[in-house]
Amino acid sequence: MKKPIVTIAAAIITVCALLFTATAANFTHVADSLNELGLFDGTGDGYALDRAPNRAEALVMMLRLMGLRDEAENSSYEHPFEDVRGHWSEPYVAFAYQHGYTTGVTPTTFNPTGLSSAQMYVTFVLRALGYGDDFNFENAIEFGTEIGVIDAVLASGTFLRDQMVAVSYLALATAPKDSEFDTLLEKLLDAGAVDADAAANILQKFALIEEFNNLEADLDFSAIEMNMKLEMVMSVLFGMPGMTMSMDMGISIDANVTMIVGEDDITAAIAGEISLMGEEITAEIYIVDGYIYINAEGEKIKMPLDAMGIDMAALIDIINMMDVMDMAELEQFAHIPIYAYRSISKVEAGGLTVWTVEIVDGMLDAMMDQVLDIMDEVPGMETADDISIRDFLVVMHIDADGTLRRMIMEMSMSMADEVGNMTMEIKIDIEVIALGDDVVVNLPDDLDEYILLDLGALLPLI
């Protein structure tokens, strides 16, 4: 069954890691795009994305999104606001007042340095899109969510200039009310209010993102054969009173994995090479009838999965996570918002369509934190909550039949607590060999000869 391609990516990330959390995303790439368009200048301290916007900045952004930047800057209207006289925003505030876009906070004050909330800025953005009569201030966030200029990630927490530029970017991709244009950016381009070359590049990016978000592909982990390569470099630093200790470790796995997931059991065969801290091991691992069988260079042992603390039902739920989670709740993750894409490209190569997507730092953390809230409701499943993801890159190879044939993911992860911190550089390369009924798990004939390892007897010795 075909699934949204970005939901597949989210599922794989979650299954592989199960340890994401929400951290602040950084939308500098969005600020750069707005700057190239001529809509966002920043401050004397650069973009200052890490502080809250003030009312004057929010109003100026509204006028720029309306294509009125030059007209407002060069205006000299009268106004009643004593607290903006001589302020850099005075021509904008006066222009907005005379055209009915703002009335101030009192008859004689505008409060230009007062902080703008998400609700206030979304109100300005909705006015820029022509929706002034369709909502009121109290339901601005709800109405803005409905038309796509804000989402749960941007509306939660402290509203910063970082979030302001992301909301503005969403507005550019939204159709103005009662307009012949599909997006606000096209309307601004037609009016000559933005740089033409920058607008063309961003519109092309919007089109690619829409195609990618609507893309569906076959990938079913309940019956799959794949070649998987995992490379991970880990650095750990522990700190205790009077003593610190650091350790670096490299791990790589190059294996063929065949797996069939039933209603209450998993049958799997894994064969390949494992490298741990310079030591090379050839291993075969089999899972069947609730046991794990390990053949490490001729040493053959077996253990019950439950004795290892593995809950079979929970493991099956994880693999079939698209079926056990509430799809209505997951629907929001079928589309990564446009402001989260640092870059995106699509090329045709060897009969395959190859998509390369880079996601902004912190964005996956925020989304996956919400996914894991849902996953925590699955019986037997536990998730960690103190790891962040950076430098996330995914490359997907899709054939003409819409089957995902290869996925490469690269990411940096870090975790910190009161004991120490750990950083990991991870690369996962999955090549799909077969899916569904074409998958056959080949088990050796001598599984009954594997020696049962009694973990209960060993634990007191450890």
Protein backbone atom coordinates (compact mmCIF):
# COMPACT_ATOMS: atom_id res chain seq x y z
CA MET A 1 0.00 0.00 0.00
CA LYS A 2 1.33 3.39 -0.95
CA LYS A 3 1.97 5.91 1.83
CA PRO A 4 3.00 9.59 1.80
CA ILE A 5 6.74 9.63 1.24
CA VAL A 6 7.47 12.09 4.06
CA THR A 7 5.44 9.96 6.48
CA ILE A 8 7.60 6.99 5.50
CA ALA A 9 10.69 9.04 6.29
CA ALA A 10 9.28 10.10 9.65
CA ALA A 11 8.44 6.47 10.46
CA ILE A 12 11.94 5.27 9.62
CA ILE A 13 13.55 7.99 11.69
CA THR A 14 11.33 7.14 14.64
CA VAL A 15 11.91 3.40 14.40
CA CYS A 16 15.67 3.86 14.09
CA ALA A 17 16.02 6.36 16.90
CA LEU A 18 12.96 6.58 19.15
CA LEU A 19 14.60 9.47 20.96
CA PHE A 20 13.73 12.84 19.50
CA THR A 21 12.66 15.95 21.39
CA ALA A 22 11.61 19.49 20.64
CA THR A 23 14.36 22.07 20.40
CA ALA A 24 14.32 25.49 18.82
CA ALA A 25 14.44 25.39 15.05
CA ASN A 26 16.49 27.97 13.20
CA PHE A 27 14.91 29.53 10.14
CA THR A 28 17.87 31.61 8.96
CA HIS A 29 17.44 30.12 5.48
CA VAL A 30 13.91 31.57 5.41
CA ALA A 31 15.16 34.97 6.57
CA ASP A 32 17.76 34.82 3.76
CA SER A 33 14.99 34.16 1.21
CA LEU A 34 12.87 37.05 2.49
CA ASN A 35 15.93 39.28 2.42
CA GLU A 36 16.66 38.32 -1.20
CA LEU A 37 13.08 39.20 -2.08
CA GLY A 38 13.50 42.60 -0.43
CA LEU A 39 10.93 41.91 2.28
CA PHE A 40 13.15 41.51 5.35
CA ASP A 41 16.19 43.61 6.24
CA GLY A 42 17.00 42.49 9.74
CA THR A 43 18.40 44.87 12.35
CA GLY A 44 21.74 46.42 13.28
CA ASP A 45 22.44 43.09 14.98
CA GLY A 46 21.69 40.99 11.91
CA TYR A 47 18.41 39.13 11.65
CA ALA A 48 18.04 38.89 15.46
CA LEU A 49 15.89 35.78 15.05
CA ASP A 50 16.31 34.76 18.67
CA ARG A 51 14.28 37.62 20.15
CA ALA A 52 10.58 38.46 20.06
CA PRO A 53 9.42 40.89 17.36
CA ASN A 54 7.92 44.17 18.46
CA ARG A 55 4.67 45.72 17.22
CA ALA A 56 6.48 48.10 14.86
CA GLU A 57 8.40 45.24 13.21
CA ALA A 58 5.22 43.18 12.85
CA LEU A 59 3.36 46.09 11.23
CA VAL A 60 6.22 46.78 8.81
CA MET A 61 6.29 43.13 7.75
CA MET A 62 2.54 43.27 7.08
CA LEU A 63 2.93 46.29 4.81
CA ARG A 64 5.80 44.65 2.95
CA LEU A 65 3.74 41.50 2.42
CA MET A 66 1.06 43.75 0.98
CA GLY A 67 3.57 45.17 -1.51
CA LEU A 68 3.42 48.61 0.11
CA ARG A 69 7.02 48.94 1.32
CA ASP A 70 8.10 51.80 -0.95
CA GLU A 71 4.79 53.63 -0.71
CA ALA A 72 4.83 53.48 3.09
CA GLU A 73 8.50 54.43 3.44
CA ASN A 74 8.06 57.51 1.27
CA SER A 75 4.77 58.65 2.81
CA SER A 76 4.28 61.58 5.19
CA TYR A 77 0.81 61.07 6.62
CA GLU A 78 -0.41 62.58 9.87
CA HIS A 79 -1.15 60.34 12.84
CA PRO A 80 -2.20 60.71 16.50
CA PHE A 81 0.42 58.45 18.09
CA GLU A 82 2.76 60.40 20.35
CA ASP A 83 5.02 57.40 21.03
CA VAL A 84 6.09 56.93 17.40
CA ARG A 85 7.12 60.51 16.64
CA GLY A 86 10.76 60.34 15.59
CA HIS A 87 10.72 56.52 15.74
CA TRP A 88 12.09 54.67 12.69
CA SER A 89 8.67 53.10 12.11
CA GLU A 90 6.76 56.43 12.01
CA PRO A 91 6.09 56.56 8.26
CA TYR A 92 4.87 52.95 8.30
CA VAL A 93 2.63 53.46 11.32
CA ALA A 94 1.19 56.69 9.88
CA PHE A 95 0.56 54.99 6.54
CA ALA A 96 -1.13 52.02 8.19
CA TYR A 97 -3.27 54.32 10.36
CA GLN A 98 -4.45 56.43 7.43
CA HIS A 99 -5.38 53.32 5.43
CA GLY A 100 -7.22 51.67 8.29
CA TYR A 101 -4.74 48.84 8.94
CA THR A 102 -4.17 49.76 12.58
CA THR A 103 -5.86 51.88 15.23
CA GLY A 104 -3.13 51.71 17.88
CA VAL A 105 -3.54 50.53 21.48
CA THR A 106 -5.10 53.83 22.62
CA PRO A 107 -6.26 56.90 20.69
CA THR A 108 -2.81 58.47 21.15
CA THR A 109 -0.37 55.54 21.48
CA PHE A 110 0.75 52.72 19.19
CA ASN A 111 3.32 51.10 21.54
CA PRO A 112 5.92 50.36 18.82
CA THR A 113 8.30 48.60 21.20
CA GLY A 114 5.65 46.39 22.75
CA LEU A 115 6.09 42.71 21.91
CA SER A 116 4.07 41.10 19.17
CA SER A 117 2.44 37.77 19.95
CA ALA A 118 1.78 35.03 17.41
CA GLN A 119 -1.88 36.03 17.53
CA MET A 120 -1.07 39.64 16.72
CA TYR A 121 1.28 38.83 13.87
CA VAL A 122 -1.08 36.29 12.31
CA THR A 123 -3.76 38.98 12.46
CA PHE A 124 -1.49 41.28 10.45
CA VAL A 125 -0.67 38.51 7.95
CA LEU A 126 -4.33 37.63 7.43
CA ARG A 127 -5.03 41.29 6.68
CA ALA A 128 -2.20 41.27 4.15
CA LEU A 129 -3.89 38.31 2.46
CA GLY A 130 -7.22 40.14 2.29
CA TYR A 131 -9.01 38.21 5.05
CA GLY A 132 -9.76 41.20 7.27
CA ASP A 133 -13.53 40.56 7.41
CA ASP A 134 -13.35 36.77 7.83
CA PHE A 135 -12.01 36.49 11.37
CA ASN A 136 -11.54 38.38 14.59
CA PHE A 137 -8.50 38.82 16.80
CA GLU A 138 -9.63 36.11 19.24
CA ASN A 139 -9.73 33.36 16.58
CA ALA A 140 -6.81 34.59 14.45
CA ILE A 141 -4.60 31.55 15.21
CA GLU A 142 -7.43 29.10 14.50
CA PHE A 143 -8.34 30.82 11.23
CA GLY A 144 -4.68 31.20 10.27
CA THR A 145 -4.14 27.48 10.83
CA GLU A 146 -7.09 26.67 8.59
CA ILE A 147 -5.69 28.60 5.64
CA GLY A 148 -2.09 27.51 6.30
CA VAL A 149 -0.17 30.56 7.51
CA ILE A 150 0.68 29.08 10.92
CA ASP A 151 0.85 25.62 12.48
CA ALA A 152 1.20 24.01 15.90
CA VAL A 153 5.01 24.25 15.83
CA LEU A 154 5.05 27.99 15.13
CA ALA A 155 2.16 28.78 17.48
CA SER A 156 3.65 27.02 20.50
CA GLY A 157 6.19 28.51 22.90
CA THR A 158 7.57 32.04 22.74
CA PHE A 159 6.89 33.82 19.46
CA LEU A 160 10.26 34.98 18.12
CA ARG A 161 11.40 36.74 14.97
CA ASP A 162 12.41 33.22 13.91
CA GLN A 163 8.73 32.24 13.95
CA MET A 164 7.76 35.57 12.36
CA VAL A 165 9.83 34.92 9.24
CA ALA A 166 8.46 31.37 9.00
CA VAL A 167 4.85 32.62 9.19
CA SER A 168 5.71 35.22 6.52
CA TYR A 169 7.14 32.48 4.31
CA LEU A 170 3.95 30.44 4.69
CA ALA A 171 1.96 33.55 3.75
CA LEU A 172 3.95 33.90 0.54
CA ALA A 173 2.87 30.37 -0.46
CA THR A 174 -0.79 31.06 0.37
CA ALA A 175 -3.38 32.32 -2.11
CA PRO A 176 -4.71 35.79 -1.30
CA LYS A 177 -8.47 36.05 -0.89
CA ASP A 178 -10.44 36.87 -4.07
CA SER A 179 -7.27 36.90 -6.15
CA GLU A 180 -6.33 35.61 -9.58
CA PHE A 181 -2.99 34.48 -8.14
CA ASP A 182 -2.25 31.05 -6.61
CA THR A 183 0.19 32.52 -4.10
CA LEU A 184 0.84 35.86 -2.46
CA LEU A 185 4.38 35.74 -3.85
CA GLU A 186 3.03 35.62 -7.42
CA LYS A 187 0.89 38.65 -6.67
CA LEU A 188 3.89 40.57 -5.28
CA LEU A 189 5.98 39.52 -8.28
CA ASP A 190 3.30 40.76 -10.69
CA ALA A 191 3.21 44.08 -8.84
CA GLY A 192 7.00 44.44 -9.01
CA ALA A 193 7.20 44.48 -5.22
CA VAL A 194 9.86 41.75 -4.93
CA ASP A 195 13.07 40.83 -6.70
CA ALA A 196 12.09 38.86 -9.81
CA ASP A 197 15.01 36.38 -9.82
CA ALA A 198 14.64 35.58 -6.12
CA ALA A 199 10.87 35.15 -6.55
CA ALA A 200 11.34 32.75 -9.47
CA ASN A 201 13.73 30.59 -7.43
CA ILE A 202 11.39 30.46 -4.45
CA LEU A 203 8.34 29.65 -6.58
CA GLN A 204 10.28 26.78 -8.13
CA LYS A 205 11.13 25.55 -4.63
CA PHE A 206 7.47 25.82 -3.58
CA ALA A 207 6.48 23.68 -6.57
CA LEU A 208 9.06 21.00 -5.74
CA ILE A 209 7.99 20.90 -2.09
CA GLU A 210 4.34 20.51 -3.06
CA GLU A 211 5.21 17.64 -5.40
CA PHE A 212 7.35 15.94 -2.75
CA ASN A 213 4.74 16.35 -0.03
CA ASN A 214 2.09 14.81 -2.28
CA LEU A 215 4.36 11.97 -3.39
CA GLU A 216 3.40 8.45 -2.35
CA ALA A 217 5.55 5.33 -2.48
CA ASP A 218 5.49 1.66 -1.55
CA LEU A 219 7.54 0.67 1.48
CA ASP A 220 6.20 -1.95 3.87
CA PHE A 221 8.41 -2.95 6.77
CA SER A 222 6.06 -5.81 7.64
CA ALA A 223 7.53 -7.86 4.77
CA ILE A 224 10.82 -6.61 3.40
CA GLU A 225 14.25 -7.69 2.23
CA MET A 226 16.87 -5.00 2.22
CA ASN A 227 20.56 -4.35 2.30
CA MET A 228 21.35 -1.99 5.14
CA LYS A 229 24.52 -0.09 5.91
CA LEU A 230 24.87 1.83 9.13
CA GLU A 231 27.83 4.01 10.03
CA MET A 232 27.98 5.80 13.36
CA VAL A 233 30.71 7.76 15.08
CA MET A 234 29.98 8.43 18.74
CA SER A 235 31.69 10.70 21.26
CA VAL A 236 30.79 10.46 24.93
CA LEU A 237 31.84 12.76 27.76
CA PHE A 238 30.99 11.86 31.37
CA GLY A 239 31.44 14.30 34.19
CA MET A 240 31.47 13.59 37.92
CA PRO A 241 32.78 15.60 40.86
CA GLY A 242 36.54 15.71 40.52
CA MET A 243 36.65 13.52 37.42
CA THR A 244 35.74 13.56 33.75
CA MET A 245 36.01 10.79 31.20
CA SER A 246 35.67 10.81 27.43
CA MET A 247 35.34 8.03 24.91
CA ASP A 248 35.13 7.85 21.13
CA MET A 249 33.57 4.90 19.37
CA GLY A 250 32.96 3.90 15.77
CA ILE A 251 30.31 1.38 14.74
CA SER A 252 29.46 0.10 11.29
CA ILE A 253 27.05 -2.57 10.08
CA ASP A 254 26.78 -3.94 6.57
CA ALA A 255 24.05 -6.55 6.44
CA ASN A 256 21.26 -8.17 4.48
CA VAL A 257 17.98 -8.05 6.40
CA THR A 258 14.92 -10.14 5.62
CA MET A 259 11.85 -9.77 7.82
CA ILE A 260 8.22 -10.84 7.89
CA VAL A 261 5.98 -9.48 10.64
CA GLY A 262 2.89 -11.48 11.56
CA GLU A 263 0.07 -10.63 13.91
CA ASP A 264 1.94 -11.85 17.00
CA ASP A 265 5.40 -12.91 15.82
CA ILE A 266 8.41 -11.76 13.82
CA THR A 267 10.54 -13.93 11.59
CA ALA A 268 13.78 -12.35 10.50
CA ALA A 269 17.24 -13.17 9.20
CA ILE A 270 20.18 -10.76 9.39
CA ALA A 271 23.59 -11.61 7.99
CA GLY A 272 26.57 -9.36 7.61
CA GLU A 273 29.64 -7.66 8.96
CA ILE A 274 29.79 -5.67 12.18
CA SER A 275 32.70 -3.39 13.06
CA LEU A 276 32.89 -2.16 16.66
CA MET A 277 35.84 -0.05 17.81
CA GLY A 278 38.07 -1.60 15.15
CA GLU A 279 37.01 -5.20 15.79
CA GLU A 280 35.48 -6.98 12.80
CA ILE A 281 32.78 -9.60 13.41
CA THR A 282 30.89 -11.73 10.91
CA ALA A 283 27.50 -12.58 12.33
CA GLU A 284 24.19 -14.18 11.48
CA ILE A 285 21.11 -13.33 13.53
CA TYR A 286 17.74 -15.02 13.31
CA ILE A 287 14.48 -14.19 15.05
CA VAL A 288 11.72 -16.78 15.10
CA ASP A 289 9.14 -18.13 17.57
CA GLY A 290 10.05 -15.55 20.23
CA TYR A 291 13.78 -16.38 20.25
CA ILE A 292 16.84 -14.65 18.90
CA TYR A 293 19.58 -16.90 17.48
CA ILE A 294 23.11 -15.55 17.07
CA ASN A 295 25.93 -17.18 15.13
CA ALA A 296 29.05 -15.08 15.69
CA GLU A 297 31.86 -16.71 13.72
CA GLY A 298 30.79 -20.22 14.67
CA GLU A 299 29.72 -19.49 18.26
CA LYS A 300 26.00 -20.28 18.27
CA ILE A 301 23.70 -19.15 21.08
CA LYS A 302 20.01 -18.40 21.53
CA MET A 303 17.95 -16.36 23.99
CA PRO A 304 14.25 -15.70 24.53
CA LEU A 305 13.38 -12.18 23.43
CA ASP A 306 11.40 -11.54 26.60
CA ALA A 307 14.43 -12.47 28.71
CA MET A 308 16.26 -9.61 26.95
CA GLY A 309 13.51 -7.19 27.92
CA ILE A 310 12.09 -7.10 24.38
CA ASP A 311 8.31 -6.88 24.31
CA MET A 312 7.32 -8.69 21.11
CA ALA A 313 3.93 -7.01 20.90
CA ALA A 314 5.49 -3.56 21.30
CA LEU A 315 8.16 -4.38 18.72
CA ILE A 316 5.50 -5.45 16.22
CA ASP A 317 3.59 -2.25 16.98
CA ILE A 318 6.71 -0.19 16.25
CA ILE A 319 7.30 -1.91 12.92
CA ASN A 320 3.65 -1.56 11.99
CA MET A 321 3.50 1.91 13.53
CA MET A 322 1.46 3.31 10.67
CA ASP A 323 -1.33 0.89 11.60
CA VAL A 324 -1.27 1.17 15.41
CA MET A 325 -1.25 4.95 15.66
CA ASP A 326 -4.24 7.18 15.20
CA MET A 327 -4.02 8.21 11.55
CA ALA A 328 -6.10 11.33 12.20
CA GLU A 329 -3.42 12.48 14.63
CA LEU A 330 -0.63 11.52 12.22
CA GLU A 331 -2.18 13.30 9.24
CA GLN A 332 -0.37 16.52 10.13
CA PHE A 333 2.98 14.75 9.60
CA ALA A 334 2.16 13.77 6.02
CA HIS A 335 3.35 17.24 4.98
CA ILE A 336 6.55 18.79 6.22
CA PRO A 337 5.92 22.57 6.18
CA ILE A 338 7.68 24.56 3.50
CA TYR A 339 9.71 26.59 5.97
CA ALA A 340 11.37 23.36 7.22
CA TYR A 341 13.06 22.64 3.88
CA ARG A 342 16.55 24.05 3.81
CA SER A 343 16.95 22.67 0.29
CA ILE A 344 15.22 20.27 -2.10
CA SER A 345 16.10 18.87 -5.53
CA LYS A 346 14.83 16.27 -7.97
CA VAL A 347 16.73 14.53 -10.77
CA GLU A 348 16.12 11.56 -13.06
CA ALA A 349 18.88 8.95 -13.06
CA GLY A 350 18.94 5.38 -14.37
CA GLY A 351 15.17 5.03 -14.54
CA LEU A 352 14.79 6.32 -10.98
CA THR A 353 13.60 9.63 -9.60
CA VAL A 354 16.10 10.83 -7.01
CA TRP A 355 14.94 13.32 -4.40
CA THR A 356 17.44 15.05 -2.12
CA VAL A 357 16.00 16.93 0.83
CA GLU A 358 17.73 18.81 3.64
CA ILE A 359 15.63 19.70 6.69
CA VAL A 360 16.41 22.68 8.94
CA ASP A 361 18.01 21.96 12.31
CA GLY A 362 15.53 21.45 15.11
CA MET A 363 12.47 21.05 12.89
CA LEU A 364 12.35 17.26 13.05
CA ASP A 365 12.81 17.46 16.81
CA ALA A 366 9.69 19.58 17.13
CA MET A 367 7.63 17.38 14.83
CA MET A 368 8.84 14.08 16.24
CA ASP A 369 8.18 15.20 19.78
CA GLN A 370 4.52 15.31 18.83
CA VAL A 371 4.78 11.93 17.05
CA LEU A 372 6.34 10.38 20.14
CA ASP A 373 3.55 11.73 22.31
CA ILE A 374 1.29 9.55 20.19
CA MET A 375 3.71 6.62 20.30
CA ASP A 376 3.91 6.77 24.09
CA GLU A 377 0.30 5.64 24.13
CA VAL A 378 1.29 2.34 22.47
CA PRO A 379 1.50 -0.35 25.21
CA GLY A 380 5.06 -1.41 26.04
CA MET A 381 6.69 1.44 24.16
CA GLU A 382 9.03 3.88 25.88
CA THR A 383 10.73 6.85 24.28
CA ALA A 384 13.55 9.09 25.43
CA ASP A 385 13.15 12.85 25.35
CA ASP A 386 16.54 14.50 25.53
CA ILE A 387 18.14 14.17 22.08
CA SER A 388 18.22 16.72 19.26
CA ILE A 389 18.80 16.25 15.54
CA ARG A 390 20.88 18.43 13.24
CA ASP A 391 22.15 18.35 9.67
CA PHE A 392 19.39 16.00 8.54
CA LEU A 393 19.67 14.96 4.91
CA VAL A 394 17.59 12.32 3.11
CA VAL A 395 18.00 10.97 -0.42
CA MET A 396 15.21 8.83 -1.88
CA HIS A 397 15.34 6.73 -5.06
CA ILE A 398 11.87 5.91 -6.42
CA ASP A 399 11.22 3.67 -9.42
CA ALA A 400 8.61 4.13 -12.15
CA ASP A 401 6.14 1.93 -10.24
CA GLY A 402 6.29 4.22 -7.22
CA THR A 403 8.33 1.86 -5.05
CA LEU A 404 10.99 3.33 -2.78
CA ARG A 405 14.12 1.45 -3.82
CA ARG A 406 16.77 3.21 -1.80
CA MET A 407 16.91 5.67 1.06
CA ILE A 408 20.00 7.35 2.44
CA MET A 409 19.77 9.37 5.64
CA GLU A 410 22.48 11.38 7.31
CA MET A 411 22.10 13.21 10.60
CA SER A 412 23.92 14.52 13.65
CA MET A 413 22.41 13.79 17.04
CA SER A 414 23.31 14.97 20.51
CA MET A 415 22.16 14.17 24.02
CA ALA A 416 22.96 15.84 27.30
CA ASP A 417 21.93 15.23 30.91
CA GLU A 418 23.30 15.75 34.39
CA VAL A 419 25.86 12.96 33.92
CA GLY A 420 27.38 13.94 30.59
CA ASN A 421 26.73 14.36 26.90
CA MET A 422 26.96 12.29 23.76
CA THR A 423 27.17 13.23 20.09
CA MET A 424 26.61 10.92 17.15
CA GLU A 425 27.19 11.24 13.43
CA ILE A 426 24.92 8.72 11.70
CA LYS A 427 24.51 7.55 8.12
CA ILE A 428 21.95 4.89 7.15
CA ASP A 429 21.76 3.46 3.63
CA ILE A 430 18.80 1.16 2.90
CA GLU A 431 18.45 -0.61 -0.46
CA VAL A 432 15.12 -2.36 -0.91
CA ILE A 433 15.41 -5.79 -2.57
CA ALA A 434 11.88 -7.16 -2.21
CA LEU A 435 8.53 -6.32 -0.60
CA GLY A 436 5.34 -8.16 0.29
CA ASP A 437 4.76 -11.64 -1.10
CA ASP A 438 8.20 -11.68 -2.75
CA VAL A 439 9.91 -11.79 0.64
CA VAL A 440 11.15 -15.16 1.93
CA VAL A 441 13.04 -15.58 5.21
CA ASN A 442 15.59 -18.39 4.90
CA LEU A 443 16.41 -20.02 8.24
CA PRO A 444 19.24 -22.55 8.81
CA ASP A 445 18.42 -26.18 9.56
CA ASP A 446 20.46 -26.34 12.78
CA LEU A 447 18.65 -23.81 15.00
CA ASP A 448 17.88 -26.59 17.49
CA GLU A 449 21.64 -27.00 18.03
CA TYR A 450 22.12 -23.41 19.27
CA ILE A 451 23.01 -23.24 22.98
CA LEU A 452 20.44 -21.59 25.23
CA LEU A 453 22.04 -18.69 27.13
CA ASP A 454 20.62 -18.26 30.64
CA LEU A 455 20.72 -14.52 31.22
CA GLY A 456 19.26 -14.94 34.71
CA ALA A 457 22.26 -16.99 35.77
CA LEU A 458 24.72 -14.57 34.17
CA LEU A 459 23.40 -11.33 35.65
CA PRO A 460 24.81 -11.91 39.18
CA LEU A 461 28.24 -12.38 37.58
CA ILE A 462 28.15 -9.12 35.67
